[in-house]
Full PDB file with SEQRES, HELIX, SHEET, SSBOND, CRYST1, ORIGX, SCALE, CONECT and MASTER records, all heavy atoms in Angstrom:
SEQRES   1 A   33  PRO GLY VAL ARG PRO SER VAL ILE SER GLN GLN THR ALA          
SEQRES   2 A   33  VAL SER LEU GLU ASP TYR LEU GLY PHE ARG HIS ILE VAL          
SEQRES   3 A   33  ARG ASN LEU TYR THR TRP ASP                                  
HELIX    1 AA1 GLN A   10  ASN A   28  1                                  19    
CRYST1    1.000    1.000    1.000  90.00  90.00  90.00 P 1           1          
ORIGX1      1.000000  0.000000  0.000000        0.00000                         
ORIGX2      0.000000  1.000000  0.000000        0.00000                         
ORIGX3      0.000000  0.000000  1.000000        0.00000                         
SCALE1      1.000000  0.000000  0.000000        0.00000                         
SCALE2      0.000000  1.000000  0.000000        0.00000                         
SCALE3      0.000000  0.000000  1.000000        0.00000                         
ATOM      1  N   PRO A   1    -129.565  10.960  49.480  1.00  0.00           N  
ATOM      2  CA  PRO A   1    -130.875  10.383  49.159  1.00  0.00           C  
ATOM      3  C   PRO A   1    -131.561  11.150  48.028  1.00  0.00           C  
ATOM      4  O   PRO A   1    -131.551  12.373  47.993  1.00  0.00           O  
ATOM      5  CB  PRO A   1    -131.660  10.515  50.472  1.00  0.00           C  
ATOM      6  CG  PRO A   1    -130.599  10.529  51.530  1.00  0.00           C  
ATOM      7  CD  PRO A   1    -129.445  11.279  50.901  1.00  0.00           C  
ATOM      8  N   GLY A   2    -132.102  10.393  47.089  1.00  0.00           N  
ATOM      9  CA  GLY A   2    -132.778  10.986  45.956  1.00  0.00           C  
ATOM     10  C   GLY A   2    -131.849  11.438  44.847  1.00  0.00           C  
ATOM     11  O   GLY A   2    -132.301  11.865  43.792  1.00  0.00           O  
ATOM     12  N   VAL A   3    -130.521  11.363  45.102  1.00  0.00           N  
ATOM     13  CA  VAL A   3    -129.557  11.825  44.105  1.00  0.00           C  
ATOM     14  C   VAL A   3    -128.598  10.699  43.706  1.00  0.00           C  
ATOM     15  O   VAL A   3    -128.541  10.305  42.547  1.00  0.00           O  
ATOM     16  CB  VAL A   3    -128.766  13.058  44.610  1.00  0.00           C  
ATOM     17  CG1 VAL A   3    -127.733  13.508  43.573  1.00  0.00           C  
ATOM     18  CG2 VAL A   3    -129.712  14.193  44.952  1.00  0.00           C  
ATOM     19  N   ARG A   4    -127.853  10.192  44.682  1.00  0.00           N  
ATOM     20  CA  ARG A   4    -126.868   9.149  44.381  1.00  0.00           C  
ATOM     21  C   ARG A   4    -126.377   8.502  45.665  1.00  0.00           C  
ATOM     22  O   ARG A   4    -126.429   9.106  46.737  1.00  0.00           O  
ATOM     23  CB  ARG A   4    -125.671   9.726  43.623  1.00  0.00           C  
ATOM     24  CG  ARG A   4    -124.878  10.736  44.431  1.00  0.00           C  
ATOM     25  CD  ARG A   4    -123.483  10.938  43.889  1.00  0.00           C  
ATOM     26  NE  ARG A   4    -122.791  11.998  44.597  1.00  0.00           N  
ATOM     27  CZ  ARG A   4    -122.187  11.863  45.775  1.00  0.00           C  
ATOM     28  NH1 ARG A   4    -122.203  10.714  46.403  1.00  0.00           N  
ATOM     29  NH2 ARG A   4    -121.564  12.891  46.336  1.00  0.00           N  
ATOM     30  N   PRO A   5    -125.839   7.280  45.544  1.00  0.00           N  
ATOM     31  CA  PRO A   5    -125.163   6.661  46.691  1.00  0.00           C  
ATOM     32  C   PRO A   5    -123.757   7.255  46.822  1.00  0.00           C  
ATOM     33  O   PRO A   5    -123.321   8.019  45.966  1.00  0.00           O  
ATOM     34  CB  PRO A   5    -125.087   5.180  46.290  1.00  0.00           C  
ATOM     35  CG  PRO A   5    -125.012   5.218  44.789  1.00  0.00           C  
ATOM     36  CD  PRO A   5    -125.847   6.401  44.369  1.00  0.00           C  
ATOM     37  N   SER A   6    -123.060   6.888  47.876  1.00  0.00           N  
ATOM     38  CA  SER A   6    -121.673   7.347  48.016  1.00  0.00           C  
ATOM     39  C   SER A   6    -120.852   6.824  46.835  1.00  0.00           C  
ATOM     40  O   SER A   6    -121.127   5.750  46.300  1.00  0.00           O  
ATOM     41  CB  SER A   6    -121.075   6.883  49.343  1.00  0.00           C  
ATOM     42  OG  SER A   6    -121.026   5.478  49.388  1.00  0.00           O  
ATOM     43  N   VAL A   7    -119.864   7.604  46.436  1.00  0.00           N  
ATOM     44  CA  VAL A   7    -118.981   7.218  45.337  1.00  0.00           C  
ATOM     45  C   VAL A   7    -117.844   6.360  45.880  1.00  0.00           C  
ATOM     46  O   VAL A   7    -117.461   5.361  45.278  1.00  0.00           O  
ATOM     47  CB  VAL A   7    -118.427   8.473  44.622  1.00  0.00           C  
ATOM     48  CG1 VAL A   7    -117.451   8.088  43.514  1.00  0.00           C  
ATOM     49  CG2 VAL A   7    -119.570   9.323  44.076  1.00  0.00           C  
ATOM     50  N   ILE A   8    -117.305   6.773  47.019  1.00  0.00           N  
ATOM     51  CA  ILE A   8    -116.233   6.027  47.683  1.00  0.00           C  
ATOM     52  C   ILE A   8    -116.575   5.870  49.159  1.00  0.00           C  
ATOM     53  O   ILE A   8    -117.336   6.668  49.711  1.00  0.00           O  
ATOM     54  CB  ILE A   8    -114.850   6.725  47.533  1.00  0.00           C  
ATOM     55  CG1 ILE A   8    -114.877   8.138  48.092  1.00  0.00           C  
ATOM     56  CG2 ILE A   8    -114.390   6.692  46.077  1.00  0.00           C  
ATOM     57  CD1 ILE A   8    -113.530   8.828  48.174  1.00  0.00           C  
ATOM     58  N   SER A   9    -115.988   4.872  49.776  1.00  0.00           N  
ATOM     59  CA  SER A   9    -116.216   4.633  51.200  1.00  0.00           C  
ATOM     60  C   SER A   9    -115.438   5.646  52.042  1.00  0.00           C  
ATOM     61  O   SER A   9    -114.485   6.263  51.561  1.00  0.00           O  
ATOM     62  CB  SER A   9    -115.782   3.215  51.569  1.00  0.00           C  
ATOM     63  OG  SER A   9    -114.359   3.119  51.534  1.00  0.00           O  
ATOM     64  N   GLN A  10    -115.848   5.773  53.283  1.00  0.00           N  
ATOM     65  CA  GLN A  10    -115.124   6.635  54.227  1.00  0.00           C  
ATOM     66  C   GLN A  10    -113.669   6.183  54.348  1.00  0.00           C  
ATOM     67  O   GLN A  10    -112.758   6.998  54.374  1.00  0.00           O  
ATOM     68  CB  GLN A  10    -115.779   6.583  55.622  1.00  0.00           C  
ATOM     69  CG  GLN A  10    -117.045   7.371  55.738  1.00  0.00           C  
ATOM     70  CD  GLN A  10    -116.784   8.871  55.866  1.00  0.00           C  
ATOM     71  OE1 GLN A  10    -115.664   9.361  55.713  1.00  0.00           O  
ATOM     72  NE2 GLN A  10    -117.828   9.609  56.135  1.00  0.00           N  
ATOM     73  N   GLN A  11    -113.465   4.874  54.416  1.00  0.00           N  
ATOM     74  CA  GLN A  11    -112.116   4.328  54.565  1.00  0.00           C  
ATOM     75  C   GLN A  11    -111.244   4.688  53.359  1.00  0.00           C  
ATOM     76  O   GLN A  11    -110.082   5.063  53.512  1.00  0.00           O  
ATOM     77  CB  GLN A  11    -112.196   2.813  54.744  1.00  0.00           C  
ATOM     78  CG  GLN A  11    -110.861   2.164  55.033  1.00  0.00           C  
ATOM     79  CD  GLN A  11    -111.015   0.667  55.287  1.00  0.00           C  
ATOM     80  OE1 GLN A  11    -112.100   0.144  55.466  1.00  0.00           O  
ATOM     81  NE2 GLN A  11    -109.880  -0.021  55.283  1.00  0.00           N  
ATOM     82  N   THR A  12    -111.809   4.599  52.164  1.00  0.00           N  
ATOM     83  CA  THR A  12    -111.071   4.969  50.962  1.00  0.00           C  
ATOM     84  C   THR A  12    -110.713   6.447  51.007  1.00  0.00           C  
ATOM     85  O   THR A  12    -109.582   6.840  50.694  1.00  0.00           O  
ATOM     86  CB  THR A  12    -111.883   4.641  49.692  1.00  0.00           C  
ATOM     87  OG1 THR A  12    -112.170   3.231  49.675  1.00  0.00           O  
ATOM     88  CG2 THR A  12    -111.133   5.016  48.436  1.00  0.00           C  
ATOM     89  N   ALA A  13    -111.663   7.276  51.422  1.00  0.00           N  
ATOM     90  CA  ALA A  13    -111.421   8.726  51.499  1.00  0.00           C  
ATOM     91  C   ALA A  13    -110.301   9.045  52.484  1.00  0.00           C  
ATOM     92  O   ALA A  13    -109.441   9.889  52.200  1.00  0.00           O  
ATOM     93  CB  ALA A  13    -112.699   9.464  51.888  1.00  0.00           C  
ATOM     94  N   VAL A  14    -110.287   8.367  53.616  1.00  0.00           N  
ATOM     95  CA  VAL A  14    -109.227   8.601  54.611  1.00  0.00           C  
ATOM     96  C   VAL A  14    -107.868   8.270  54.002  1.00  0.00           C  
ATOM     97  O   VAL A  14    -106.900   9.016  54.149  1.00  0.00           O  
ATOM     98  CB  VAL A  14    -109.493   7.784  55.905  1.00  0.00           C  
ATOM     99  CG1 VAL A  14    -108.270   7.767  56.807  1.00  0.00           C  
ATOM    100  CG2 VAL A  14    -110.704   8.358  56.643  1.00  0.00           C  
ATOM    101  N   SER A  15    -107.794   7.149  53.273  1.00  0.00           N  
ATOM    102  CA  SER A  15    -106.535   6.775  52.609  1.00  0.00           C  
ATOM    103  C   SER A  15    -106.132   7.814  51.574  1.00  0.00           C  
ATOM    104  O   SER A  15    -104.953   8.121  51.417  1.00  0.00           O  
ATOM    105  CB  SER A  15    -106.673   5.416  51.932  1.00  0.00           C  
ATOM    106  OG  SER A  15    -106.915   4.409  52.880  1.00  0.00           O  
ATOM    107  N   LEU A  16    -107.113   8.357  50.854  1.00  0.00           N  
ATOM    108  CA  LEU A  16    -106.820   9.334  49.798  1.00  0.00           C  
ATOM    109  C   LEU A  16    -106.360  10.685  50.338  1.00  0.00           C  
ATOM    110  O   LEU A  16    -105.711  11.443  49.629  1.00  0.00           O  
ATOM    111  CB  LEU A  16    -108.044   9.521  48.894  1.00  0.00           C  
ATOM    112  CG  LEU A  16    -108.309   8.394  47.918  1.00  0.00           C  
ATOM    113  CD1 LEU A  16    -109.647   8.594  47.228  1.00  0.00           C  
ATOM    114  CD2 LEU A  16    -107.182   8.285  46.895  1.00  0.00           C  
ATOM    115  N   GLU A  17    -106.682  10.990  51.592  1.00  0.00           N  
ATOM    116  CA  GLU A  17    -106.268  12.274  52.166  1.00  0.00           C  
ATOM    117  C   GLU A  17    -104.748  12.444  52.119  1.00  0.00           C  
ATOM    118  O   GLU A  17    -104.258  13.546  51.877  1.00  0.00           O  
ATOM    119  CB  GLU A  17    -106.791  12.422  53.599  1.00  0.00           C  
ATOM    120  CG  GLU A  17    -108.260  12.733  53.649  1.00  0.00           C  
ATOM    121  CD  GLU A  17    -108.806  12.855  55.060  1.00  0.00           C  
ATOM    122  OE1 GLU A  17    -108.026  12.738  56.037  1.00  0.00           O  
ATOM    123  OE2 GLU A  17    -110.018  13.060  55.174  1.00  0.00           O  
ATOM    124  N   ASP A  18    -104.008  11.354  52.323  1.00  0.00           N  
ATOM    125  CA  ASP A  18    -102.547  11.427  52.255  1.00  0.00           C  
ATOM    126  C   ASP A  18    -102.071  11.795  50.846  1.00  0.00           C  
ATOM    127  O   ASP A  18    -101.106  12.525  50.674  1.00  0.00           O  
ATOM    128  CB  ASP A  18    -101.905  10.102  52.662  1.00  0.00           C  
ATOM    129  CG  ASP A  18    -101.976   9.850  54.160  1.00  0.00           C  
ATOM    130  OD1 ASP A  18    -102.169  10.811  54.925  1.00  0.00           O  
ATOM    131  OD2 ASP A  18    -101.835   8.679  54.560  1.00  0.00           O  
ATOM    132  N   TYR A  19    -102.755  11.273  49.824  1.00  0.00           N  
ATOM    133  CA  TYR A  19    -102.387  11.553  48.435  1.00  0.00           C  
ATOM    134  C   TYR A  19    -102.769  12.983  48.057  1.00  0.00           C  
ATOM    135  O   TYR A  19    -102.026  13.644  47.334  1.00  0.00           O  
ATOM    136  CB  TYR A  19    -103.042  10.534  47.492  1.00  0.00           C  
ATOM    137  CG  TYR A  19    -102.512   9.144  47.716  1.00  0.00           C  
ATOM    138  CD1 TYR A  19    -103.044   8.332  48.715  1.00  0.00           C  
ATOM    139  CD2 TYR A  19    -101.453   8.650  46.968  1.00  0.00           C  
ATOM    140  CE1 TYR A  19    -102.546   7.061  48.949  1.00  0.00           C  
ATOM    141  CE2 TYR A  19    -100.948   7.376  47.195  1.00  0.00           C  
ATOM    142  CZ  TYR A  19    -101.497   6.590  48.196  1.00  0.00           C  
ATOM    143  OH  TYR A  19    -100.986   5.335  48.433  1.00  0.00           O  
ATOM    144  N   LEU A  20    -103.886  13.453  48.587  1.00  0.00           N  
ATOM    145  CA  LEU A  20    -104.288  14.842  48.378  1.00  0.00           C  
ATOM    146  C   LEU A  20    -103.240  15.778  48.978  1.00  0.00           C  
ATOM    147  O   LEU A  20    -102.787  16.717  48.321  1.00  0.00           O  
ATOM    148  CB  LEU A  20    -105.659  15.107  49.015  1.00  0.00           C  
ATOM    149  CG  LEU A  20    -106.116  16.561  49.119  1.00  0.00           C  
ATOM    150  CD1 LEU A  20    -106.192  17.224  47.762  1.00  0.00           C  
ATOM    151  CD2 LEU A  20    -107.460  16.635  49.836  1.00  0.00           C  
ATOM    152  N   GLY A  21    -102.828  15.516  50.196  1.00  0.00           N  
ATOM    153  CA  GLY A  21    -101.804  16.339  50.844  1.00  0.00           C  
ATOM    154  C   GLY A  21    -100.480  16.278  50.108  1.00  0.00           C  
ATOM    155  O   GLY A  21     -99.800  17.294  49.935  1.00  0.00           O  
ATOM    156  N   PHE A  22    -100.115  15.087  49.656  1.00  0.00           N  
ATOM    157  CA  PHE A  22     -98.862  14.926  48.925  1.00  0.00           C  
ATOM    158  C   PHE A  22     -98.911  15.670  47.598  1.00  0.00           C  
ATOM    159  O   PHE A  22     -97.946  16.308  47.189  1.00  0.00           O  
ATOM    160  CB  PHE A  22     -98.578  13.437  48.689  1.00  0.00           C  
ATOM    161  CG  PHE A  22     -97.271  13.193  47.998  1.00  0.00           C  
ATOM    162  CD1 PHE A  22     -96.077  13.275  48.706  1.00  0.00           C  
ATOM    163  CD2 PHE A  22     -97.222  12.892  46.656  1.00  0.00           C  
ATOM    164  CE1 PHE A  22     -94.860  13.061  48.076  1.00  0.00           C  
ATOM    165  CE2 PHE A  22     -96.015  12.676  46.021  1.00  0.00           C  
ATOM    166  CZ  PHE A  22     -94.834  12.756  46.727  1.00  0.00           C  
ATOM    167  N   ARG A  23    -100.045  15.605  46.911  1.00  0.00           N  
ATOM    168  CA  ARG A  23    -100.203  16.323  45.649  1.00  0.00           C  
ATOM    169  C   ARG A  23     -99.956  17.814  45.855  1.00  0.00           C  
ATOM    170  O   ARG A  23     -99.301  18.470  45.052  1.00  0.00           O  
ATOM    171  CB  ARG A  23    -101.601  16.063  45.082  1.00  0.00           C  
ATOM    172  CG  ARG A  23    -101.840  16.497  43.642  1.00  0.00           C  
ATOM    173  CD  ARG A  23    -102.436  17.855  43.437  1.00  0.00           C  
ATOM    174  NE  ARG A  23    -103.604  18.140  44.206  1.00  0.00           N  
ATOM    175  CZ  ARG A  23    -104.854  18.001  43.795  1.00  0.00           C  
ATOM    176  NH1 ARG A  23    -105.109  17.545  42.599  1.00  0.00           N  
ATOM    177  NH2 ARG A  23    -105.851  18.330  44.568  1.00  0.00           N  
ATOM    178  N   HIS A  24    -100.459  18.333  46.966  1.00  0.00           N  
ATOM    179  CA  HIS A  24    -100.242  19.754  47.285  1.00  0.00           C  
ATOM    180  C   HIS A  24     -98.742  20.041  47.451  1.00  0.00           C  
ATOM    181  O   HIS A  24     -98.236  21.045  46.948  1.00  0.00           O  
ATOM    182  CB  HIS A  24    -101.000  20.133  48.560  1.00  0.00           C  
ATOM    183  CG  HIS A  24    -100.801  21.535  48.976  1.00  0.00           C  
ATOM    184  ND1 HIS A  24    -101.430  22.597  48.351  1.00  0.00           N  
ATOM    185  CD2 HIS A  24    -100.024  22.072  49.942  1.00  0.00           C  
ATOM    186  CE1 HIS A  24    -101.041  23.732  48.921  1.00  0.00           C  
ATOM    187  NE2 HIS A  24    -100.194  23.434  49.887  1.00  0.00           N  
ATOM    188  N   ILE A  25     -98.033  19.133  48.114  1.00  0.00           N  
ATOM    189  CA  ILE A  25     -96.587  19.300  48.306  1.00  0.00           C  
ATOM    190  C   ILE A  25     -95.864  19.295  46.960  1.00  0.00           C  
ATOM    191  O   ILE A  25     -95.009  20.137  46.697  1.00  0.00           O  
ATOM    192  CB  ILE A  25     -96.035  18.188  49.231  1.00  0.00           C  
ATOM    193  CG1 ILE A  25     -96.540  18.410  50.658  1.00  0.00           C  
ATOM    194  CG2 ILE A  25     -94.513  18.132  49.193  1.00  0.00           C  
ATOM    195  CD1 ILE A  25     -96.303  17.240  51.590  1.00  0.00           C  
ATOM    196  N   VAL A  26     -96.210  18.338  46.096  1.00  0.00           N  
ATOM    197  CA  VAL A  26     -95.558  18.239  44.786  1.00  0.00           C  
ATOM    198  C   VAL A  26     -95.787  19.515  43.982  1.00  0.00           C  
ATOM    199  O   VAL A  26     -94.872  20.002  43.309  1.00  0.00           O  
ATOM    200  CB  VAL A  26     -96.044  16.995  44.009  1.00  0.00           C  
ATOM    201  CG1 VAL A  26     -95.534  17.000  42.575  1.00  0.00           C  
ATOM    202  CG2 VAL A  26     -95.592  15.722  44.721  1.00  0.00           C  
ATOM    203  N   ARG A  27     -96.982  20.061  44.075  1.00  0.00           N  
ATOM    204  CA  ARG A  27     -97.291  21.279  43.320  1.00  0.00           C  
ATOM    205  C   ARG A  27     -96.551  22.502  43.853  1.00  0.00           C  
ATOM    206  O   ARG A  27     -96.360  23.468  43.117  1.00  0.00           O  
ATOM    207  CB  ARG A  27     -98.793  21.571  43.382  1.00  0.00           C  
ATOM    208  CG  ARG A  27     -99.614  20.685  42.505  1.00  0.00           C  
ATOM    209  CD  ARG A  27    -101.062  21.098  42.579  1.00  0.00           C  
ATOM    210  NE  ARG A  27    -101.838  20.446  41.534  1.00  0.00           N  
ATOM    211  CZ  ARG A  27    -103.121  20.624  41.362  1.00  0.00           C  
ATOM    212  NH1 ARG A  27    -103.792  21.446  42.144  1.00  0.00           N  
ATOM    213  NH2 ARG A  27    -103.752  19.994  40.399  1.00  0.00           N  
ATOM    214  N   ASN A  28     -96.165  22.474  45.120  1.00  0.00           N  
ATOM    215  CA  ASN A  28     -95.615  23.677  45.744  1.00  0.00           C  
ATOM    216  C   ASN A  28     -94.154  23.590  46.165  1.00  0.00           C  
ATOM    217  O   ASN A  28     -93.629  24.532  46.736  1.00  0.00           O  
ATOM    218  CB  ASN A  28     -96.485  24.060  46.949  1.00  0.00           C  
ATOM    219  CG  ASN A  28     -97.861  24.497  46.508  1.00  0.00           C  
ATOM    220  OD1 ASN A  28     -98.021  25.551  45.929  1.00  0.00           O  
ATOM    221  ND2 ASN A  28     -98.857  23.659  46.748  1.00  0.00           N  
ATOM    222  N   LEU A  29     -93.500  22.475  45.889  1.00  0.00           N  
ATOM    223  CA  LEU A  29     -92.078  22.309  46.197  1.00  0.00           C  
ATOM    224  C   LEU A  29     -91.332  21.868  44.944  1.00  0.00           C  
ATOM    225  O   LEU A  29     -91.934  21.409  43.981  1.00  0.00           O  
ATOM    226  CB  LEU A  29     -91.875  21.194  47.237  1.00  0.00           C  
ATOM    227  CG  LEU A  29     -92.131  21.472  48.695  1.00  0.00           C  
ATOM    228  CD1 LEU A  29     -91.870  20.207  49.500  1.00  0.00           C  
ATOM    229  CD2 LEU A  29     -91.262  22.584  49.223  1.00  0.00           C  
ATOM    230  N   TYR A  30     -90.046  21.965  44.992  1.00  0.00           N  
ATOM    231  CA  TYR A  30     -89.227  21.345  43.954  1.00  0.00           C  
ATOM    232  C   TYR A  30     -89.206  19.852  44.207  1.00  0.00           C  
ATOM    233  O   TYR A  30     -89.203  19.407  45.346  1.00  0.00           O  
ATOM    234  CB  TYR A  30     -87.799  21.898  44.006  1.00  0.00           C  
ATOM    235  CG  TYR A  30     -87.724  23.351  43.653  1.00  0.00           C  
ATOM    236  CD1 TYR A  30     -87.460  24.307  44.611  1.00  0.00           C  
ATOM    237  CD2 TYR A  30     -87.929  23.775  42.339  1.00  0.00           C  
ATOM    238  CE1 TYR A  30     -87.392  25.655  44.295  1.00  0.00           C  
ATOM    239  CE2 TYR A  30     -87.873  25.118  42.008  1.00  0.00           C  
ATOM    240  CZ  TYR A  30     -87.605  26.054  42.980  1.00  0.00           C  
ATOM    241  OH  TYR A  30     -87.555  27.370  42.651  1.00  0.00           O  
ATOM    242  N   THR A  31     -89.165  19.060  43.155  1.00  0.00           N  
ATOM    243  CA  THR A  31     -89.218  17.607  43.349  1.00  0.00           C  
ATOM    244  C   THR A  31     -88.043  17.091  44.175  1.00  0.00           C  
ATOM    245  O   THR A  31     -88.182  16.111  44.882  1.00  0.00           O  
ATOM    246  CB  THR A  31     -89.267  16.845  42.003  1.00  0.00           C  
ATOM    247  OG1 THR A  31     -88.165  17.252  41.197  1.00  0.00           O  
ATOM    248  CG2 THR A  31     -90.576  17.069  41.283  1.00  0.00           C  
ATOM    249  N   TRP A  32     -86.891  17.768  44.100  1.00  0.00           N  
ATOM    250  CA  TRP A  32     -85.756  17.247  44.871  1.00  0.00           C  
ATOM    251  C   TRP A  32     -85.934  17.444  46.382  1.00  0.00           C  
ATOM    252  O   TRP A  32     -85.169  16.933  47.159  1.00  0.00           O  
ATOM    253  CB  TRP A  32     -84.433  17.835  44.391  1.00  0.00           C  
ATOM    254  CG  TRP A  32     -84.321  19.327  44.481  1.00  0.00           C  
ATOM    255  CD1 TRP A  32     -84.026  20.077  45.586  1.00  0.00           C  
ATOM    256  CD2 TRP A  32     -84.477  20.259  43.409  1.00  0.00           C  
ATOM    257  NE1 TRP A  32     -84.011  21.403  45.286  1.00  0.00           N  
ATOM    258  CE2 TRP A  32     -84.279  21.552  43.936  1.00  0.00           C  
ATOM    259  CE3 TRP A  32     -84.768  20.129  42.062  1.00  0.00           C  
ATOM    260  CZ2 TRP A  32     -84.356  22.702  43.171  1.00  0.00           C  
ATOM    261  CZ3 TRP A  32     -84.843  21.274  41.302  1.00  0.00           C  
ATOM    262  CH2 TRP A  32     -84.646  22.535  41.851  1.00  0.00           C  
ATOM    263  N   ASP A  33     -86.986  18.163  46.767  1.00  0.00           N  
ATOM    264  CA  ASP A  33     -87.294  18.320  48.194  1.00  0.00           C  
ATOM    265  C   ASP A  33     -88.290  17.280  48.695  1.00  0.00           C  
ATOM    266  O   ASP A  33     -88.689  17.318  49.855  1.00  0.00           O  
ATOM    267  CB  ASP A  33     -87.867  19.718  48.471  1.00  0.00           C  
ATOM    268  CG  ASP A  33     -86.803  20.804  48.409  1.00  0.00           C  
ATOM    269  OD1 ASP A  33     -85.626  20.489  48.691  1.00  0.00           O  
ATOM    270  OD2 ASP A  33     -87.158  21.952  48.089  1.00  0.00           O  
TER     271      ASP A  33                                                      
MASTER        0    0    0    1    0    0    0    6  270    1    0    3          
END                                                                             
């Protein structure tokens, strides 16, 4: 309030959590894994 509305919905954020976790895996493993 007084600053901005939400940028993304809760549902969108929940879906994005899998991509966030996967990004971490890609950064920390070899791609063949």
